[in-house]
N, C-alpha and C. Protein backbone atom coordinates (compact mmCIF):
# COMPACT_ATOMS: atom_id res chain seq x y z
N MET A 1 -51.12 47.62 -80.71
CA MET A 1 -50.31 48.34 -79.80
C MET A 1 -50.43 49.79 -80.24
N LYS A 2 -50.09 50.66 -79.17
CA LYS A 2 -50.23 52.04 -79.53
C LYS A 2 -48.81 52.54 -79.69
N THR A 3 -48.78 53.62 -80.43
CA THR A 3 -47.49 54.33 -80.62
C THR A 3 -47.30 55.50 -79.57
N ALA A 4 -46.13 56.04 -79.70
CA ALA A 4 -45.82 57.24 -78.75
C ALA A 4 -46.78 58.38 -79.04
N GLU A 5 -47.26 58.55 -80.23
CA GLU A 5 -48.21 59.65 -80.47
C GLU A 5 -49.58 59.49 -79.80
N GLN A 6 -49.94 58.07 -79.61
CA GLN A 6 -51.13 57.83 -79.07
C GLN A 6 -51.13 57.80 -77.57
N GLY A 7 -49.95 57.81 -76.94
CA GLY A 7 -49.75 57.92 -75.48
C GLY A 7 -50.39 59.28 -74.94
N LYS A 8 -50.53 59.02 -73.51
CA LYS A 8 -51.24 60.18 -72.79
C LYS A 8 -50.24 61.33 -72.92
N GLY A 9 -50.64 62.54 -73.17
CA GLY A 9 -50.06 63.71 -73.13
C GLY A 9 -48.77 63.72 -74.21
N LYS A 10 -48.11 64.87 -74.05
CA LYS A 10 -47.00 64.97 -74.83
C LYS A 10 -45.82 65.45 -73.99
N GLU A 11 -45.82 65.18 -72.58
CA GLU A 11 -44.79 65.55 -71.69
C GLU A 11 -43.46 64.68 -71.96
N LYS A 12 -42.37 65.34 -71.61
CA LYS A 12 -41.07 64.59 -71.65
C LYS A 12 -40.87 63.75 -70.52
N TYR A 13 -40.56 62.49 -70.51
CA TYR A 13 -40.25 61.67 -69.35
C TYR A 13 -38.89 61.53 -69.09
N VAL A 14 -38.44 61.84 -67.75
CA VAL A 14 -37.13 61.57 -67.33
C VAL A 14 -37.15 60.36 -66.39
N LEU A 15 -36.31 59.29 -66.76
CA LEU A 15 -36.26 58.00 -66.12
C LEU A 15 -34.97 57.70 -65.84
N ARG A 16 -34.71 56.98 -64.59
CA ARG A 16 -33.48 56.56 -64.27
C ARG A 16 -33.69 54.97 -63.89
N LEU A 17 -32.92 54.10 -64.45
CA LEU A 17 -33.00 52.71 -64.25
C LEU A 17 -31.71 52.15 -63.40
N TYR A 18 -31.91 51.87 -62.17
CA TYR A 18 -30.83 51.35 -61.36
C TYR A 18 -30.73 49.90 -61.49
N ILE A 19 -29.58 49.29 -61.83
CA ILE A 19 -29.28 47.96 -62.16
C ILE A 19 -28.19 47.36 -61.32
N ALA A 20 -27.90 46.12 -61.33
CA ALA A 20 -26.90 45.50 -60.64
C ALA A 20 -25.99 44.85 -61.64
N GLY A 21 -25.05 45.56 -62.41
CA GLY A 21 -24.21 44.97 -63.34
C GLY A 21 -24.80 44.34 -64.49
N THR A 22 -24.29 43.17 -64.95
CA THR A 22 -24.79 42.44 -65.96
C THR A 22 -25.53 41.17 -65.58
N THR A 23 -26.27 41.21 -64.51
CA THR A 23 -27.01 40.06 -64.24
C THR A 23 -28.20 39.94 -65.17
N PRO A 24 -28.73 38.79 -65.40
CA PRO A 24 -29.88 38.39 -66.31
C PRO A 24 -30.98 39.40 -66.00
N ARG A 25 -31.44 39.71 -64.80
CA ARG A 25 -32.58 40.49 -64.53
C ARG A 25 -32.13 42.03 -64.94
N SER A 26 -30.88 42.53 -64.77
CA SER A 26 -30.57 43.87 -65.21
C SER A 26 -30.61 43.88 -66.64
N ILE A 27 -29.92 43.00 -67.47
CA ILE A 27 -29.99 43.00 -68.81
C ILE A 27 -31.40 43.04 -69.43
N ARG A 28 -32.28 42.13 -68.86
CA ARG A 28 -33.77 42.10 -69.26
C ARG A 28 -34.41 43.43 -68.90
N ALA A 29 -34.17 44.02 -67.79
CA ALA A 29 -34.78 45.29 -67.50
C ALA A 29 -34.41 46.36 -68.38
N VAL A 30 -33.08 46.45 -68.73
CA VAL A 30 -32.54 47.55 -69.64
C VAL A 30 -33.33 47.41 -71.09
N SER A 31 -33.28 46.04 -71.52
CA SER A 31 -33.70 45.81 -72.81
C SER A 31 -35.27 46.17 -72.87
N ARG A 32 -36.14 45.69 -71.86
CA ARG A 32 -37.43 45.94 -71.81
C ARG A 32 -37.81 47.47 -71.65
N ILE A 33 -37.05 48.24 -70.85
CA ILE A 33 -37.53 49.60 -70.75
C ILE A 33 -37.13 50.38 -72.01
N ARG A 34 -36.10 49.97 -72.59
CA ARG A 34 -35.73 50.67 -73.95
C ARG A 34 -36.84 50.35 -74.96
N GLN A 35 -37.32 49.09 -74.98
CA GLN A 35 -38.39 48.66 -75.94
C GLN A 35 -39.64 49.60 -75.65
N ILE A 36 -39.99 49.58 -74.32
CA ILE A 36 -41.26 50.54 -74.00
C ILE A 36 -41.06 51.81 -74.23
N CYS A 37 -39.88 52.41 -73.98
CA CYS A 37 -39.65 53.80 -74.34
C CYS A 37 -39.68 54.09 -75.77
N HIS A 38 -39.14 53.19 -76.55
CA HIS A 38 -39.13 53.38 -78.00
C HIS A 38 -40.44 53.26 -78.63
N GLN A 39 -41.27 52.38 -78.05
CA GLN A 39 -42.67 52.15 -78.48
C GLN A 39 -43.75 53.09 -78.14
N TYR A 40 -43.58 53.54 -76.90
CA TYR A 40 -44.63 54.53 -76.26
C TYR A 40 -44.23 55.86 -76.11
N LEU A 41 -42.85 56.22 -75.96
CA LEU A 41 -42.40 57.55 -75.65
C LEU A 41 -41.61 58.11 -76.77
N ASP A 42 -41.17 57.32 -77.72
CA ASP A 42 -40.36 57.77 -78.89
C ASP A 42 -39.30 58.69 -78.42
N SER A 43 -39.33 59.86 -78.76
CA SER A 43 -38.23 60.83 -78.53
C SER A 43 -38.66 61.76 -77.33
N ARG A 44 -39.70 61.37 -76.62
CA ARG A 44 -40.10 62.23 -75.53
C ARG A 44 -39.56 61.61 -74.11
N HIS A 45 -38.44 61.10 -74.25
CA HIS A 45 -37.87 60.52 -72.96
C HIS A 45 -36.32 60.74 -72.80
N GLU A 46 -35.96 60.66 -71.66
CA GLU A 46 -34.50 60.61 -71.26
C GLU A 46 -34.33 59.57 -70.37
N LEU A 47 -33.55 58.57 -70.73
CA LEU A 47 -33.35 57.46 -69.89
C LEU A 47 -31.69 57.31 -69.58
N GLU A 48 -31.50 57.25 -68.18
CA GLU A 48 -30.28 57.04 -67.73
C GLU A 48 -30.27 55.78 -66.91
N VAL A 49 -29.26 54.90 -67.35
CA VAL A 49 -29.10 53.60 -66.72
C VAL A 49 -27.81 53.66 -65.86
N ILE A 50 -28.11 53.51 -64.49
CA ILE A 50 -27.21 53.46 -63.46
C ILE A 50 -26.62 52.08 -63.04
N ASP A 51 -25.51 51.80 -63.21
CA ASP A 51 -24.99 50.44 -62.75
C ASP A 51 -24.52 50.76 -61.28
N THR A 52 -25.15 50.09 -60.25
CA THR A 52 -24.80 50.26 -58.90
C THR A 52 -23.59 49.61 -58.52
N TYR A 53 -23.06 48.82 -59.33
CA TYR A 53 -21.74 48.14 -59.01
C TYR A 53 -20.71 49.18 -59.32
N GLN A 54 -20.91 50.06 -60.26
CA GLN A 54 -20.04 51.14 -60.68
C GLN A 54 -20.14 52.38 -59.69
N ASN A 55 -21.40 52.55 -59.28
CA ASN A 55 -21.78 53.82 -58.46
C ASN A 55 -22.67 53.28 -57.27
N PRO A 56 -22.05 52.64 -56.17
CA PRO A 56 -22.76 52.21 -55.10
C PRO A 56 -23.43 53.25 -54.26
N GLN A 57 -22.79 54.43 -54.31
CA GLN A 57 -23.35 55.58 -53.59
C GLN A 57 -24.61 55.98 -53.99
N SER A 58 -25.04 55.72 -55.24
CA SER A 58 -26.23 56.14 -55.89
C SER A 58 -27.46 55.37 -55.15
N LEU A 59 -27.23 54.20 -54.67
CA LEU A 59 -28.27 53.54 -53.86
C LEU A 59 -28.72 54.19 -52.60
N VAL A 60 -27.74 54.68 -51.91
CA VAL A 60 -27.98 55.51 -50.60
C VAL A 60 -28.55 56.80 -50.98
N GLU A 61 -27.95 57.61 -51.87
CA GLU A 61 -28.45 58.89 -52.25
C GLU A 61 -29.90 58.89 -52.71
N ASN A 62 -30.22 57.74 -53.53
CA ASN A 62 -31.63 57.87 -54.03
C ASN A 62 -32.56 56.80 -53.34
N LYS A 63 -32.06 56.26 -52.21
CA LYS A 63 -32.86 55.43 -51.38
C LYS A 63 -33.49 54.25 -52.20
N ILE A 64 -32.68 53.47 -53.01
CA ILE A 64 -32.93 52.39 -53.76
C ILE A 64 -32.65 51.16 -52.82
N ILE A 65 -33.54 50.36 -52.74
CA ILE A 65 -33.55 49.15 -51.67
C ILE A 65 -33.67 47.88 -52.42
N ALA A 66 -34.03 47.82 -53.80
CA ALA A 66 -34.19 46.57 -54.62
C ALA A 66 -33.74 46.97 -56.00
N LEU A 67 -33.08 45.93 -56.75
CA LEU A 67 -32.76 46.12 -58.05
C LEU A 67 -33.32 45.04 -59.00
N PRO A 68 -33.63 45.39 -60.18
CA PRO A 68 -33.54 46.70 -60.86
C PRO A 68 -34.67 47.53 -60.28
N THR A 69 -34.44 48.83 -60.41
CA THR A 69 -35.54 49.87 -59.99
C THR A 69 -35.60 50.96 -61.10
N LEU A 70 -36.89 51.10 -61.59
CA LEU A 70 -36.94 52.27 -62.43
C LEU A 70 -37.54 53.42 -61.77
N VAL A 71 -36.93 54.53 -61.84
CA VAL A 71 -37.51 55.84 -61.21
C VAL A 71 -38.13 56.85 -62.23
N LYS A 72 -39.32 57.22 -62.18
CA LYS A 72 -39.82 58.24 -63.08
C LYS A 72 -39.85 59.47 -62.32
N GLU A 73 -38.96 60.42 -62.71
CA GLU A 73 -38.91 61.60 -62.08
C GLU A 73 -39.74 62.65 -62.72
N VAL A 74 -39.84 62.58 -63.89
CA VAL A 74 -40.72 63.77 -64.71
C VAL A 74 -41.49 62.92 -65.63
N PRO A 75 -42.69 63.28 -65.80
CA PRO A 75 -43.48 64.19 -65.18
C PRO A 75 -43.93 63.64 -63.77
N PRO A 76 -44.40 64.67 -62.89
CA PRO A 76 -44.76 64.36 -61.47
C PRO A 76 -46.11 63.30 -61.76
N PRO A 77 -46.30 62.49 -60.72
CA PRO A 77 -45.56 62.37 -59.44
C PRO A 77 -44.40 61.30 -59.67
N LEU A 78 -43.44 61.45 -58.81
CA LEU A 78 -42.31 60.50 -58.89
C LEU A 78 -42.85 59.06 -58.53
N ARG A 79 -42.38 58.15 -59.48
CA ARG A 79 -42.79 56.77 -59.23
C ARG A 79 -41.67 55.77 -59.31
N ARG A 80 -41.73 54.80 -58.45
CA ARG A 80 -40.57 53.75 -58.57
C ARG A 80 -41.26 52.45 -59.04
N ILE A 81 -40.55 51.60 -59.84
CA ILE A 81 -40.97 50.37 -60.25
C ILE A 81 -39.86 49.47 -60.03
N VAL A 82 -40.20 48.32 -59.42
CA VAL A 82 -39.15 47.29 -59.10
C VAL A 82 -39.34 46.07 -59.91
N GLY A 83 -38.28 45.70 -60.51
CA GLY A 83 -38.40 44.20 -61.24
C GLY A 83 -37.63 44.49 -62.49
N ASP A 84 -37.88 43.36 -63.45
CA ASP A 84 -37.16 43.33 -64.68
C ASP A 84 -38.02 43.91 -65.79
N MET A 85 -39.02 44.71 -65.52
CA MET A 85 -39.93 45.46 -66.51
C MET A 85 -40.52 44.53 -67.53
N SER A 86 -40.66 43.21 -67.29
CA SER A 86 -41.30 42.34 -68.14
C SER A 86 -42.78 42.44 -68.26
N ASP A 87 -43.43 42.90 -67.25
CA ASP A 87 -44.80 43.20 -67.21
C ASP A 87 -45.14 44.60 -67.75
N THR A 88 -45.29 44.56 -69.12
CA THR A 88 -45.53 45.80 -69.78
C THR A 88 -46.72 46.75 -69.22
N GLU A 89 -47.77 46.02 -68.94
CA GLU A 89 -49.01 46.83 -68.39
C GLU A 89 -48.74 47.40 -67.08
N LYS A 90 -47.92 46.75 -66.23
CA LYS A 90 -47.58 47.18 -64.98
C LYS A 90 -46.74 48.57 -65.18
N VAL A 91 -45.74 48.41 -66.04
CA VAL A 91 -44.78 49.54 -66.33
C VAL A 91 -45.54 50.72 -66.86
N LEU A 92 -46.42 50.41 -67.90
CA LEU A 92 -47.20 51.61 -68.47
C LEU A 92 -48.05 52.24 -67.47
N CYS A 93 -48.75 51.32 -66.56
CA CYS A 93 -49.60 51.98 -65.58
C CYS A 93 -48.83 52.76 -64.55
N ALA A 94 -47.62 52.31 -64.22
CA ALA A 94 -46.78 52.99 -63.12
C ALA A 94 -46.25 54.35 -63.83
N LEU A 95 -45.85 54.22 -65.11
CA LEU A 95 -45.49 55.54 -65.79
C LEU A 95 -46.48 56.50 -66.13
N ASP A 96 -47.89 55.99 -65.99
CA ASP A 96 -49.05 56.90 -66.42
C ASP A 96 -49.18 57.08 -67.79
N ILE A 97 -48.74 56.08 -68.65
CA ILE A 97 -48.94 56.19 -70.13
C ILE A 97 -50.19 55.30 -70.53
N GLY A 98 -51.15 56.11 -71.02
CA GLY A 98 -52.36 55.46 -71.34
C GLY A 98 -52.21 54.70 -72.60
N GLN A 99 -52.95 53.56 -72.63
CA GLN A 99 -52.93 52.58 -73.74
C GLN A 99 -53.97 52.76 -74.60
């Protein structure tokens, strides 16, 4: 497995994970994305977890139609990943993190 230093570039990643309370999929998504960020991005990321039960307006404001959804805002391009983040290859590809 690669470390953060071996990842593509040195840019900082700004990520937002939209979840639905404490459902099993939401808990799994939070756990997996934190593991991925720790392993591949180390200190080069900012992760905000948004519970849409606590903040339902965020769904409309950010055009979120499925949960959990991870949004990569920075670096461009903007990307959205839907699911529990269990497919590490898919997440890394969507985040444009080289392996």
